[in-house]
């Protein structure tokens, strides 16, 4: 399995692993009638577990969509093929002022 080059802010596999462990612990407490969990009906526990996983799924979806929106504005890291044309964003900023530091095409250097 390949790692994503642009990860999300949250380590979602760890989140789901922790939620699974907590849910298993809750089911164990219900099974062995440990107070105060012995008063919780099994259907209420099931609804709670589903609601927690649903909330985590919505958070995961939001995080991935935010990452994808951020990545759409970024230029590609490396062109996939040499014959593929890559469109870059044009800037409306004026050309930099040439100050003779040697970094621009129009800069002149005094070689005296």
C-alpha atoms as a PDB file:
ATOM      1  CA  UNK A   1       0.000   0.000   0.000  1.00  0.00           C
ATOM      2  CA  UNK A   2       1.502   3.337  -1.053  1.00  0.00           C
ATOM      3  CA  UNK A   3       1.678   6.261   1.321  1.00  0.00           C
ATOM      4  CA  UNK A   4      -0.104   9.436   0.353  1.00  0.00           C
ATOM      5  CA  UNK A   5       2.190  12.281  -0.622  1.00  0.00           C
ATOM      6  CA  UNK A   6      -0.155  14.881   0.835  1.00  0.00           C
ATOM      7  CA  UNK A   7      -1.366  13.557   4.193  1.00  0.00           C
ATOM      8  CA  UNK A   8      -4.299  14.888   6.151  1.00  0.00           C
ATOM      9  CA  UNK A   9      -3.901  16.657   9.472  1.00  0.00           C
ATOM     10  CA  UNK A  10      -5.228  13.710  11.480  1.00  0.00           C
ATOM     11  CA  UNK A  11      -3.907  10.147  11.517  1.00  0.00           C
ATOM     12  CA  UNK A  12      -7.280   8.608  10.650  1.00  0.00           C
ATOM     13  CA  UNK A  13      -6.240   4.938  10.928  1.00  0.00           C
ATOM     14  CA  UNK A  14      -5.215   5.618  14.540  1.00  0.00           C
ATOM     15  CA  UNK A  15      -8.517   7.399  15.212  1.00  0.00           C
ATOM     16  CA  UNK A  16     -10.496   4.419  13.928  1.00  0.00           C
ATOM     17  CA  UNK A  17      -8.285   2.010  15.883  1.00  0.00           C
ATOM     18  CA  UNK A  18      -8.872   3.935  19.128  1.00  0.00           C
ATOM     19  CA  UNK A  19     -12.627   4.105  18.459  1.00  0.00           C
ATOM     20  CA  UNK A  20     -12.682   0.361  17.826  1.00  0.00           C
ATOM     21  CA  UNK A  21     -10.819  -0.308  21.088  1.00  0.00           C
ATOM     22  CA  UNK A  22     -13.163   1.971  23.044  1.00  0.00           C
ATOM     23  CA  UNK A  23     -16.224   0.378  21.461  1.00  0.00           C
ATOM     24  CA  UNK A  24     -14.926  -3.096  22.282  1.00  0.00           C
ATOM     25  CA  UNK A  25     -14.268  -1.983  25.848  1.00  0.00           C
ATOM     26  CA  UNK A  26     -17.802  -0.602  26.151  1.00  0.00           C
ATOM     27  CA  UNK A  27     -19.280  -3.841  24.818  1.00  0.00           C
ATOM     28  CA  UNK A  28     -17.158  -5.811  27.325  1.00  0.00           C
ATOM     29  CA  UNK A  29     -18.383  -3.638  30.194  1.00  0.00           C
ATOM     30  CA  UNK A  30     -21.968  -4.200  29.049  1.00  0.00           C
ATOM     31  CA  UNK A  31     -21.476  -7.939  28.672  1.00  0.00           C
ATOM     32  CA  UNK A  32     -20.109  -8.393  32.193  1.00  0.00           C
ATOM     33  CA  UNK A  33     -22.609  -5.991  33.813  1.00  0.00           C
ATOM     34  CA  UNK A  34     -20.026  -3.597  35.218  1.00  0.00           C
ATOM     35  CA  UNK A  35     -21.716  -0.709  37.017  1.00  0.00           C
ATOM     36  CA  UNK A  36     -22.755   1.933  35.899  1.00  0.00           C
ATOM     37  CA  UNK A  37     -22.724   0.454  32.394  1.00  0.00           C
ATOM     38  CA  UNK A  38     -25.082  -2.347  33.413  1.00  0.00           C
ATOM     39  CA  UNK A  39     -27.969   0.160  33.263  1.00  0.00           C
ATOM     40  CA  UNK A  40     -27.230   1.046  29.628  1.00  0.00           C
ATOM     41  CA  UNK A  41     -29.479  -0.905  27.231  1.00  0.00           C
ATOM     42  CA  UNK A  42     -27.638  -2.741  24.438  1.00  0.00           C
ATOM     43  CA  UNK A  43     -29.586  -0.816  21.789  1.00  0.00           C
ATOM     44  CA  UNK A  44     -28.451   2.495  23.313  1.00  0.00           C
ATOM     45  CA  UNK A  45     -24.844   1.261  23.288  1.00  0.00           C
ATOM     46  CA  UNK A  46     -25.183   0.275  19.633  1.00  0.00           C
ATOM     47  CA  UNK A  47     -26.623   3.687  18.748  1.00  0.00           C
ATOM     48  CA  UNK A  48     -23.800   5.402  20.648  1.00  0.00           C
ATOM     49  CA  UNK A  49     -21.118   3.370  18.850  1.00  0.00           C
ATOM     50  CA  UNK A  50     -22.660   4.002  15.431  1.00  0.00           C
ATOM     51  CA  UNK A  51     -23.004   7.725  16.175  1.00  0.00           C
ATOM     52  CA  UNK A  52     -19.344   8.002  17.242  1.00  0.00           C
ATOM     53  CA  UNK A  53     -18.145   6.214  14.085  1.00  0.00           C
ATOM     54  CA  UNK A  54     -20.461   8.361  11.954  1.00  0.00           C
ATOM     55  CA  UNK A  55     -19.041  11.541  13.505  1.00  0.00           C
ATOM     56  CA  UNK A  56     -15.491  10.300  12.870  1.00  0.00           C
ATOM     57  CA  UNK A  57     -16.408   9.467   9.264  1.00  0.00           C
ATOM     58  CA  UNK A  58     -17.795  12.957   8.680  1.00  0.00           C
ATOM     59  CA  UNK A  59     -14.624  14.457  10.163  1.00  0.00           C
ATOM     60  CA  UNK A  60     -12.490  12.216   7.949  1.00  0.00           C
ATOM     61  CA  UNK A  61     -14.501  13.187   4.858  1.00  0.00           C
ATOM     62  CA  UNK A  62     -14.173  16.890   5.680  1.00  0.00           C
ATOM     63  CA  UNK A  63     -10.424  16.587   6.262  1.00  0.00           C
ATOM     64  CA  UNK A  64      -9.841  14.758   2.962  1.00  0.00           C
ATOM     65  CA  UNK A  65     -11.969  17.251   1.002  1.00  0.00           C
ATOM     66  CA  UNK A  66     -10.118  20.178   2.555  1.00  0.00           C
ATOM     67  CA  UNK A  67      -6.794  18.565   1.616  1.00  0.00           C
ATOM     68  CA  UNK A  68      -7.965  17.987  -1.972  1.00  0.00           C
ATOM     69  CA  UNK A  69      -9.133  21.599  -2.308  1.00  0.00           C
ATOM     70  CA  UNK A  70      -5.756  22.784  -1.056  1.00  0.00           C
ATOM     71  CA  UNK A  71      -3.925  20.444  -3.448  1.00  0.00           C
ATOM     72  CA  UNK A  72      -5.874  21.658  -6.504  1.00  0.00           C
ATOM     73  CA  UNK A  73      -4.149  25.050  -6.283  1.00  0.00           C
ATOM     74  CA  UNK A  74      -0.669  23.547  -6.047  1.00  0.00           C
ATOM     75  CA  UNK A  75       1.436  22.935  -9.166  1.00  0.00           C
ATOM     76  CA  UNK A  76       2.270  19.301  -9.940  1.00  0.00           C
ATOM     77  CA  UNK A  77       5.330  17.853  -8.210  1.00  0.00           C
ATOM     78  CA  UNK A  78       6.642  16.076 -11.299  1.00  0.00           C
ATOM     79  CA  UNK A  79       5.148  15.737 -14.774  1.00  0.00           C
ATOM     80  CA  UNK A  80       3.860  12.236 -15.452  1.00  0.00           C
ATOM     81  CA  UNK A  81       5.034  12.183 -19.046  1.00  0.00           C
ATOM     82  CA  UNK A  82       7.335  14.381 -21.077  1.00  0.00           C
ATOM     83  CA  UNK A  83       4.793  15.032 -23.807  1.00  0.00           C
ATOM     84  CA  UNK A  84       2.107  16.211 -21.371  1.00  0.00           C
ATOM     85  CA  UNK A  85       1.595  19.954 -21.360  1.00  0.00           C
ATOM     86  CA  UNK A  86       1.410  21.455 -17.908  1.00  0.00           C
ATOM     87  CA  UNK A  87      -0.487  24.702 -17.446  1.00  0.00           C
ATOM     88  CA  UNK A  88       0.884  27.013 -14.783  1.00  0.00           C
ATOM     89  CA  UNK A  89      -0.955  29.903 -13.232  1.00  0.00           C
ATOM     90  CA  UNK A  90      -0.124  33.299 -14.637  1.00  0.00           C
ATOM     91  CA  UNK A  91       0.471  36.062 -12.155  1.00  0.00           C
ATOM     92  CA  UNK A  92      -0.799  39.575 -12.644  1.00  0.00           C
ATOM     93  CA  UNK A  93       2.163  41.034 -10.771  1.00  0.00           C
ATOM     94  CA  UNK A  94       4.574  43.260 -12.706  1.00  0.00           C
ATOM     95  CA  UNK A  95       8.063  42.003 -13.489  1.00  0.00           C
ATOM     96  CA  UNK A  96      10.572  42.421 -10.733  1.00  0.00           C
ATOM     97  CA  UNK A  97      12.707  45.512 -10.830  1.00  0.00           C
ATOM     98  CA  UNK A  98      16.168  44.777 -12.165  1.00  0.00           C
ATOM     99  CA  UNK A  99      18.714  45.931  -9.668  1.00  0.00           C
ATOM    100  CA  UNK A 100      21.984  44.630 -11.059  1.00  0.00           C
ATOM    101  CA  UNK A 101      22.339  41.740  -8.631  1.00  0.00           C
ATOM    102  CA  UNK A 102      22.866  39.246 -11.460  1.00  0.00           C
ATOM    103  CA  UNK A 103      19.699  37.234 -10.900  1.00  0.00           C
ATOM    104  CA  UNK A 104      17.650  38.638 -13.796  1.00  0.00           C
ATOM    105  CA  UNK A 105      17.892  38.518 -17.590  1.00  0.00           C
ATOM    106  CA  UNK A 106      18.099  42.302 -17.919  1.00  0.00           C
ATOM    107  CA  UNK A 107      20.618  42.798 -15.149  1.00  0.00           C
ATOM    108  CA  UNK A 108      23.948  44.143 -16.191  1.00  0.00           C
ATOM    109  CA  UNK A 109      27.167  43.610 -14.398  1.00  0.00           C
ATOM    110  CA  UNK A 110      30.072  45.965 -14.450  1.00  0.00           C
ATOM    111  CA  UNK A 111      33.182  44.041 -15.341  1.00  0.00           C
ATOM    112  CA  UNK A 112      35.846  46.676 -14.977  1.00  0.00           C
END
